[in-house]
């Protein structure tokens, strides 16, 4: 489904990623882990067209999408949930969902159902200004919006970052519901969560792929492998 082949990325003269190779099969959940500055967010931004690689290629359904702009990739079914948790704060929650529905040409009723299916509590906040939501609720809203339009691939950057334990549990339940149904690449620091949900784990270290875990027993022991990050 997705293949990243020999990709290098730089910010000016500073190299951020070196010779990145990874593959994702349809319906699988791949987690990218590593210490701060390892290049995790840069990798996601390269896939969704926010950063153009210096070299290498990115393939989606056997099509070379290297250098495609984000809006073109959006209409090919690739969605990106940034870690900044930014929503349209002056609009209601429902209006935020309506924007996603319009962008993906999906009826609003279906879009609302998708969000409420993963997080039924959101129905209580539909008429609330999105800026009044907590950080965790905004994260849920953004994940819900990303699912509107039946995307082929969803990339999520640090979904549990800065959230309270009870909210992390909600996010974990949502990601668990997506497992096996939605192709996802998730950057995450919460290793116990990763070890529960991942089909595959890519460990980045100093901009390079340090290790790829695709064996269930290795993934379950990921917390014990923390020293390798």
C-alpha atoms as a PDB file:
ATOM      1  CA  UNK A   1       0.000   0.000   0.000  1.00  0.00           C
ATOM      2  CA  UNK A   2       2.651   2.527   1.127  1.00  0.00           C
ATOM      3  CA  UNK A   3       6.361   2.270   0.476  1.00  0.00           C
ATOM      4  CA  UNK A   4       9.046   4.742   1.516  1.00  0.00           C
ATOM      5  CA  UNK A   5      12.224   3.939  -0.391  1.00  0.00           C
ATOM      6  CA  UNK A   6      15.684   5.360   0.369  1.00  0.00           C
ATOM      7  CA  UNK A   7      14.350   8.762   1.476  1.00  0.00           C
ATOM      8  CA  UNK A   8      16.585  11.571   2.714  1.00  0.00           C
ATOM      9  CA  UNK A   9      15.169  14.818   4.119  1.00  0.00           C
ATOM     10  CA  UNK A  10      16.900  18.019   5.181  1.00  0.00           C
ATOM     11  CA  UNK A  11      16.024  21.404   6.645  1.00  0.00           C
ATOM     12  CA  UNK A  12      18.386  23.696   4.777  1.00  0.00           C
ATOM     13  CA  UNK A  13      21.842  22.175   5.240  1.00  0.00           C
ATOM     14  CA  UNK A  14      20.800  20.125   8.276  1.00  0.00           C
ATOM     15  CA  UNK A  15      20.014  16.503   7.412  1.00  0.00           C
ATOM     16  CA  UNK A  16      16.987  15.129   9.302  1.00  0.00           C
ATOM     17  CA  UNK A  17      16.393  11.710   7.704  1.00  0.00           C
ATOM     18  CA  UNK A  18      18.845   9.301   6.107  1.00  0.00           C
ATOM     19  CA  UNK A  19      18.052   6.394   3.757  1.00  0.00           C
ATOM     20  CA  UNK A  20      14.597   5.687   5.196  1.00  0.00           C
ATOM     21  CA  UNK A  21      12.933   2.468   4.082  1.00  0.00           C
ATOM     22  CA  UNK A  22       9.559   1.273   5.345  1.00  0.00           C
ATOM     23  CA  UNK A  23       6.446  -0.435   4.024  1.00  0.00           C
ATOM     24  CA  UNK A  24       2.868  -0.536   5.262  1.00  0.00           C
ATOM     25  CA  UNK A  25       0.306  -3.129   4.243  1.00  0.00           C
ATOM     26  CA  UNK A  26      -3.357  -2.192   3.894  1.00  0.00           C
ATOM     27  CA  UNK A  27      -5.301  -2.383   7.156  1.00  0.00           C
ATOM     28  CA  UNK A  28      -2.193  -2.457   9.332  1.00  0.00           C
ATOM     29  CA  UNK A  29      -1.145  -0.182  12.192  1.00  0.00           C
ATOM     30  CA  UNK A  30       2.470   0.958  12.109  1.00  0.00           C
ATOM     31  CA  UNK A  31       3.941   2.935  14.994  1.00  0.00           C
ATOM     32  CA  UNK A  32       7.038   5.109  14.664  1.00  0.00           C
ATOM     33  CA  UNK A  33       8.957   5.564  17.918  1.00  0.00           C
ATOM     34  CA  UNK A  34      12.184   7.236  18.965  1.00  0.00           C
ATOM     35  CA  UNK A  35      13.578   9.992  21.106  1.00  0.00           C
ATOM     36  CA  UNK A  36      12.892  13.690  20.523  1.00  0.00           C
ATOM     37  CA  UNK A  37      14.676  14.878  17.398  1.00  0.00           C
ATOM     38  CA  UNK A  38      14.878  11.389  15.884  1.00  0.00           C
ATOM     39  CA  UNK A  39      12.947  12.520  12.789  1.00  0.00           C
ATOM     40  CA  UNK A  40       9.532  11.013  13.518  1.00  0.00           C
ATOM     41  CA  UNK A  41       7.425  14.072  12.651  1.00  0.00           C
ATOM     42  CA  UNK A  42       9.647  14.836   9.666  1.00  0.00           C
ATOM     43  CA  UNK A  43       8.899  11.365   8.316  1.00  0.00           C
ATOM     44  CA  UNK A  44       5.139  11.887   8.524  1.00  0.00           C
ATOM     45  CA  UNK A  45       5.367  15.338   6.943  1.00  0.00           C
ATOM     46  CA  UNK A  46       7.389  13.874   4.083  1.00  0.00           C
ATOM     47  CA  UNK A  47       4.720  11.261   3.394  1.00  0.00           C
ATOM     48  CA  UNK A  48       1.876  13.810   3.374  1.00  0.00           C
ATOM     49  CA  UNK A  49       3.703  16.284   1.136  1.00  0.00           C
ATOM     50  CA  UNK A  50       4.529  18.990   3.662  1.00  0.00           C
ATOM     51  CA  UNK A  51       8.256  18.388   3.104  1.00  0.00           C
ATOM     52  CA  UNK A  52       9.833  17.275  -0.158  1.00  0.00           C
ATOM     53  CA  UNK A  53      12.547  14.621   0.186  1.00  0.00           C
ATOM     54  CA  UNK A  54      16.061  15.383  -1.042  1.00  0.00           C
ATOM     55  CA  UNK A  55      16.211  11.929  -2.572  1.00  0.00           C
ATOM     56  CA  UNK A  56      14.328   8.676  -2.630  1.00  0.00           C
ATOM     57  CA  UNK A  57      10.707   7.930  -3.469  1.00  0.00           C
ATOM     58  CA  UNK A  58       7.350   7.466  -1.749  1.00  0.00           C
ATOM     59  CA  UNK A  59       4.815   5.129  -3.338  1.00  0.00           C
ATOM     60  CA  UNK A  60       1.105   4.854  -2.560  1.00  0.00           C
ATOM     61  CA  UNK A  61      -0.789   2.038  -4.271  1.00  0.00           C
ATOM     62  CA  UNK A  62       2.201   1.653  -6.599  1.00  0.00           C
ATOM     63  CA  UNK A  63       2.008   5.309  -7.686  1.00  0.00           C
ATOM     64  CA  UNK A  64       5.040   7.502  -7.094  1.00  0.00           C
ATOM     65  CA  UNK A  65       3.643  10.367  -4.970  1.00  0.00           C
ATOM     66  CA  UNK A  66       6.988  11.950  -4.140  1.00  0.00           C
ATOM     67  CA  UNK A  67       6.592  15.736  -4.156  1.00  0.00           C
ATOM     68  CA  UNK A  68       2.791  15.692  -4.437  1.00  0.00           C
ATOM     69  CA  UNK A  69       1.173  18.600  -2.580  1.00  0.00           C
ATOM     70  CA  UNK A  70      -0.938  17.845   0.536  1.00  0.00           C
ATOM     71  CA  UNK A  71      -4.251  18.748  -1.134  1.00  0.00           C
ATOM     72  CA  UNK A  72      -3.567  16.278  -3.947  1.00  0.00           C
ATOM     73  CA  UNK A  73      -2.734  13.545  -1.443  1.00  0.00           C
ATOM     74  CA  UNK A  74      -5.855  14.417   0.575  1.00  0.00           C
ATOM     75  CA  UNK A  75      -8.026  13.606  -2.431  1.00  0.00           C
ATOM     76  CA  UNK A  76      -6.111  10.365  -2.922  1.00  0.00           C
ATOM     77  CA  UNK A  77      -7.220   9.347   0.563  1.00  0.00           C
ATOM     78  CA  UNK A  78      -4.267  10.288   2.769  1.00  0.00           C
ATOM     79  CA  UNK A  79      -5.039  12.239   5.952  1.00  0.00           C
ATOM     80  CA  UNK A  80      -2.694  13.812   8.494  1.00  0.00           C
ATOM     81  CA  UNK A  81      -3.484  14.646  12.137  1.00  0.00           C
ATOM     82  CA  UNK A  82      -0.859  17.099  13.369  1.00  0.00           C
ATOM     83  CA  UNK A  83       0.313  17.089  16.973  1.00  0.00           C
ATOM     84  CA  UNK A  84      -0.639  20.760  17.535  1.00  0.00           C
ATOM     85  CA  UNK A  85      -4.310  19.940  18.239  1.00  0.00           C
ATOM     86  CA  UNK A  86      -5.421  23.023  16.292  1.00  0.00           C
ATOM     87  CA  UNK A  87      -9.113  23.271  15.469  1.00  0.00           C
ATOM     88  CA  UNK A  88     -11.261  26.138  14.196  1.00  0.00           C
ATOM     89  CA  UNK A  89     -11.829  27.481  17.690  1.00  0.00           C
ATOM     90  CA  UNK A  90     -14.427  30.128  16.804  1.00  0.00           C
ATOM     91  CA  UNK A  91     -16.628  27.537  15.059  1.00  0.00           C
ATOM     92  CA  UNK A  92     -18.751  24.916  16.743  1.00  0.00           C
ATOM     93  CA  UNK A  93     -17.675  21.302  16.881  1.00  0.00           C
ATOM     94  CA  UNK A  94     -20.350  20.434  14.327  1.00  0.00           C
ATOM     95  CA  UNK A  95     -19.134  23.189  11.998  1.00  0.00           C
ATOM     96  CA  UNK A  96     -15.596  21.785  12.250  1.00  0.00           C
ATOM     97  CA  UNK A  97     -16.942  18.392  11.204  1.00  0.00           C
ATOM     98  CA  UNK A  98     -18.941  20.053   8.430  1.00  0.00           C
ATOM     99  CA  UNK A  99     -15.709  21.486   6.982  1.00  0.00           C
ATOM    100  CA  UNK A 100     -14.244  17.973   6.829  1.00  0.00           C
ATOM    101  CA  UNK A 101     -17.453  16.694   5.220  1.00  0.00           C
ATOM    102  CA  UNK A 102     -17.390  19.429   2.580  1.00  0.00           C
ATOM    103  CA  UNK A 103     -13.696  18.848   1.819  1.00  0.00           C
ATOM    104  CA  UNK A 104     -14.260  15.128   1.290  1.00  0.00           C
ATOM    105  CA  UNK A 105     -17.678  15.443  -0.411  1.00  0.00           C
ATOM    106  CA  UNK A 106     -19.345  13.326   2.258  1.00  0.00           C
ATOM    107  CA  UNK A 107     -22.847  14.108   3.575  1.00  0.00           C
ATOM    108  CA  UNK A 108     -22.733  15.822   6.964  1.00  0.00           C
ATOM    109  CA  UNK A 109     -24.930  13.151   8.549  1.00  0.00           C
ATOM    110  CA  UNK A 110     -22.425  10.446   7.608  1.00  0.00           C
ATOM    111  CA  UNK A 111     -19.513  12.577   8.792  1.00  0.00           C
ATOM    112  CA  UNK A 112     -21.178  13.162  12.154  1.00  0.00           C
ATOM    113  CA  UNK A 113     -21.884   9.452  12.500  1.00  0.00           C
ATOM    114  CA  UNK A 114     -18.201   8.633  11.937  1.00  0.00           C
ATOM    115  CA  UNK A 115     -17.093  10.983  14.712  1.00  0.00           C
ATOM    116  CA  UNK A 116     -19.798   9.856  17.124  1.00  0.00           C
ATOM    117  CA  UNK A 117     -19.078   6.211  16.378  1.00  0.00           C
ATOM    118  CA  UNK A 118     -15.509   6.515  17.667  1.00  0.00           C
ATOM    119  CA  UNK A 119     -16.443   8.866  20.525  1.00  0.00           C
ATOM    120  CA  UNK A 120     -20.176   8.979  21.415  1.00  0.00           C
ATOM    121  CA  UNK A 121     -19.575  11.645  24.113  1.00  0.00           C
ATOM    122  CA  UNK A 122     -18.835  14.169  21.363  1.00  0.00           C
ATOM    123  CA  UNK A 123     -22.594  14.506  20.775  1.00  0.00           C
ATOM    124  CA  UNK A 124     -22.751  16.589  23.978  1.00  0.00           C
ATOM    125  CA  UNK A 125     -20.316  19.126  22.482  1.00  0.00           C
ATOM    126  CA  UNK A 126     -21.589  19.500  18.912  1.00  0.00           C
ATOM    127  CA  UNK A 127     -22.922  23.025  19.487  1.00  0.00           C
ATOM    128  CA  UNK A 128     -20.002  24.087  21.671  1.00  0.00           C
ATOM    129  CA  UNK A 129     -17.260  26.298  20.253  1.00  0.00           C
ATOM    130  CA  UNK A 130     -14.363  24.005  19.411  1.00  0.00           C
ATOM    131  CA  UNK A 131     -11.972  26.367  21.178  1.00  0.00           C
ATOM    132  CA  UNK A 132     -13.671  25.469  24.468  1.00  0.00           C
ATOM    133  CA  UNK A 133     -12.815  21.781  24.160  1.00  0.00           C
ATOM    134  CA  UNK A 134     -10.064  20.278  26.277  1.00  0.00           C
ATOM    135  CA  UNK A 135      -6.843  19.175  24.588  1.00  0.00           C
ATOM    136  CA  UNK A 136      -7.998  15.584  24.612  1.00  0.00           C
ATOM    137  CA  UNK A 137     -11.392  16.434  23.143  1.00  0.00           C
ATOM    138  CA  UNK A 138      -9.721  18.449  20.383  1.00  0.00           C
ATOM    139  CA  UNK A 139      -7.499  15.473  19.624  1.00  0.00           C
ATOM    140  CA  UNK A 140     -10.549  13.217  19.347  1.00  0.00           C
ATOM    141  CA  UNK A 141     -12.260  15.743  17.071  1.00  0.00           C
ATOM    142  CA  UNK A 142      -9.222  15.904  14.783  1.00  0.00           C
ATOM    143  CA  UNK A 143      -8.987  12.126  14.541  1.00  0.00           C
ATOM    144  CA  UNK A 144     -12.713  11.995  13.796  1.00  0.00           C
ATOM    145  CA  UNK A 145     -12.369  14.624  11.075  1.00  0.00           C
ATOM    146  CA  UNK A 146      -9.513  12.663   9.526  1.00  0.00           C
ATOM    147  CA  UNK A 147     -11.791   9.628   9.165  1.00  0.00           C
ATOM    148  CA  UNK A 148     -14.420  11.568   7.232  1.00  0.00           C
ATOM    149  CA  UNK A 149     -14.501  10.583   3.581  1.00  0.00           C
ATOM    150  CA  UNK A 150     -13.230   7.029   4.152  1.00  0.00           C
ATOM    151  CA  UNK A 151      -9.485   7.703   3.790  1.00  0.00           C
ATOM    152  CA  UNK A 152      -7.138   4.942   2.674  1.00  0.00           C
ATOM    153  CA  UNK A 153      -4.362   6.002   5.050  1.00  0.00           C
ATOM    154  CA  UNK A 154      -4.320   8.109   8.228  1.00  0.00           C
ATOM    155  CA  UNK A 155      -1.137   9.476   9.784  1.00  0.00           C
ATOM    156  CA  UNK A 156      -1.344  10.675  13.399  1.00  0.00           C
ATOM    157  CA  UNK A 157       1.446  12.574  15.121  1.00  0.00           C
ATOM    158  CA  UNK A 158       1.783  12.136  18.912  1.00  0.00           C
ATOM    159  CA  UNK A 159      -1.937  11.611  19.703  1.00  0.00           C
ATOM    160  CA  UNK A 160      -1.432  11.236  23.475  1.00  0.00           C
ATOM    161  CA  UNK A 161       1.189  13.947  23.972  1.00  0.00           C
ATOM    162  CA  UNK A 162       0.459  16.192  26.971  1.00  0.00           C
ATOM    163  CA  UNK A 163      -2.812  14.454  27.847  1.00  0.00           C
ATOM    164  CA  UNK A 164      -4.024  13.173  31.219  1.00  0.00           C
ATOM    165  CA  UNK A 165      -4.083   9.414  31.816  1.00  0.00           C
ATOM    166  CA  UNK A 166      -7.889   9.197  31.629  1.00  0.00           C
ATOM    167  CA  UNK A 167      -7.880  10.928  28.229  1.00  0.00           C
ATOM    168  CA  UNK A 168      -5.037   8.744  26.985  1.00  0.00           C
ATOM    169  CA  UNK A 169      -7.291   5.795  27.767  1.00  0.00           C
ATOM    170  CA  UNK A 170     -10.007   7.299  25.527  1.00  0.00           C
ATOM    171  CA  UNK A 171      -7.518   7.827  22.702  1.00  0.00           C
ATOM    172  CA  UNK A 172      -6.267   4.260  23.128  1.00  0.00           C
ATOM    173  CA  UNK A 173      -9.832   2.931  22.787  1.00  0.00           C
ATOM    174  CA  UNK A 174     -10.320   4.933  19.589  1.00  0.00           C
ATOM    175  CA  UNK A 175      -7.072   3.673  18.079  1.00  0.00           C
ATOM    176  CA  UNK A 176      -8.006   0.148  19.114  1.00  0.00           C
ATOM    177  CA  UNK A 177     -11.329   0.457  17.224  1.00  0.00           C
ATOM    178  CA  UNK A 178      -9.437   1.481  14.096  1.00  0.00           C
ATOM    179  CA  UNK A 179      -7.037  -1.459  14.264  1.00  0.00           C
ATOM    180  CA  UNK A 180      -7.634  -3.862  11.406  1.00  0.00           C
ATOM    181  CA  UNK A 181     -10.096  -1.492   9.733  1.00  0.00           C
ATOM    182  CA  UNK A 182      -7.945   1.535   8.945  1.00  0.00           C
ATOM    183  CA  UNK A 183      -4.402   1.747   7.617  1.00  0.00           C
ATOM    184  CA  UNK A 184      -2.534   3.988  10.039  1.00  0.00           C
ATOM    185  CA  UNK A 185       0.935   5.296  10.792  1.00  0.00           C
ATOM    186  CA  UNK A 186       1.204   6.746  14.288  1.00  0.00           C
ATOM    187  CA  UNK A 187       4.066   8.552  15.976  1.00  0.00           C
ATOM    188  CA  UNK A 188       3.869   7.815  19.694  1.00  0.00           C
ATOM    189  CA  UNK A 189       6.057   7.990  22.811  1.00  0.00           C
ATOM    190  CA  UNK A 190       3.786   5.892  25.040  1.00  0.00           C
ATOM    191  CA  UNK A 191       5.508   2.536  24.644  1.00  0.00           C
ATOM    192  CA  UNK A 192       2.958   0.448  26.614  1.00  0.00           C
ATOM    193  CA  UNK A 193       0.269   1.775  24.246  1.00  0.00           C
ATOM    194  CA  UNK A 194       2.430   1.017  21.226  1.00  0.00           C
ATOM    195  CA  UNK A 195       3.123  -2.528  22.422  1.00  0.00           C
ATOM    196  CA  UNK A 196      -0.629  -3.189  22.749  1.00  0.00           C
ATOM    197  CA  UNK A 197      -1.760  -1.846  19.382  1.00  0.00           C
ATOM    198  CA  UNK A 198       1.078  -2.091  16.856  1.00  0.00           C
ATOM    199  CA  UNK A 199       1.271  -4.554  13.978  1.00  0.00           C
ATOM    200  CA  UNK A 200       4.711  -3.174  13.204  1.00  0.00           C
ATOM    201  CA  UNK A 201       7.095  -0.741  14.911  1.00  0.00           C
ATOM    202  CA  UNK A 202       9.767   1.360  13.254  1.00  0.00           C
ATOM    203  CA  UNK A 203      12.397   2.683  15.654  1.00  0.00           C
ATOM    204  CA  UNK A 204      14.099   5.869  14.474  1.00  0.00           C
ATOM    205  CA  UNK A 205      17.406   6.974  15.927  1.00  0.00           C
ATOM    206  CA  UNK A 206      19.213  10.124  14.832  1.00  0.00           C
ATOM    207  CA  UNK A 207      17.277  10.238  11.570  1.00  0.00           C
ATOM    208  CA  UNK A 208      17.870   6.610  10.623  1.00  0.00           C
ATOM    209  CA  UNK A 209      15.851   3.416  10.913  1.00  0.00           C
ATOM    210  CA  UNK A 210      17.495   1.703  13.860  1.00  0.00           C
ATOM    211  CA  UNK A 211      15.223  -1.315  13.946  1.00  0.00           C
ATOM    212  CA  UNK A 212      11.946  -2.642  12.555  1.00  0.00           C
ATOM    213  CA  UNK A 213       9.827  -4.869  14.784  1.00  0.00           C
ATOM    214  CA  UNK A 214       7.171  -6.977  13.096  1.00  0.00           C
ATOM    215  CA  UNK A 215       7.169  -9.948  15.436  1.00  0.00           C
ATOM    216  CA  UNK A 216       4.395  -9.896  18.039  1.00  0.00           C
ATOM    217  CA  UNK A 217       6.658 -11.044  20.862  1.00  0.00           C
ATOM    218  CA  UNK A 218       9.230  -8.336  20.066  1.00  0.00           C
ATOM    219  CA  UNK A 219       6.550  -5.671  19.976  1.00  0.00           C
ATOM    220  CA  UNK A 220       5.126  -6.810  23.295  1.00  0.00           C
ATOM    221  CA  UNK A 221       8.597  -6.500  24.786  1.00  0.00           C
ATOM    222  CA  UNK A 222       9.053  -3.010  23.372  1.00  0.00           C
ATOM    223  CA  UNK A 223       9.130  -1.412  26.821  1.00  0.00           C
ATOM    224  CA  UNK A 224      12.117  -3.635  27.642  1.00  0.00           C
ATOM    225  CA  UNK A 225      13.813  -2.419  24.467  1.00  0.00           C
ATOM    226  CA  UNK A 226      13.507   1.261  25.415  1.00  0.00           C
ATOM    227  CA  UNK A 227      17.270   1.552  25.767  1.00  0.00           C
ATOM    228  CA  UNK A 228      17.539   0.958  22.012  1.00  0.00           C
ATOM    229  CA  UNK A 229      15.625   4.145  21.224  1.00  0.00           C
END
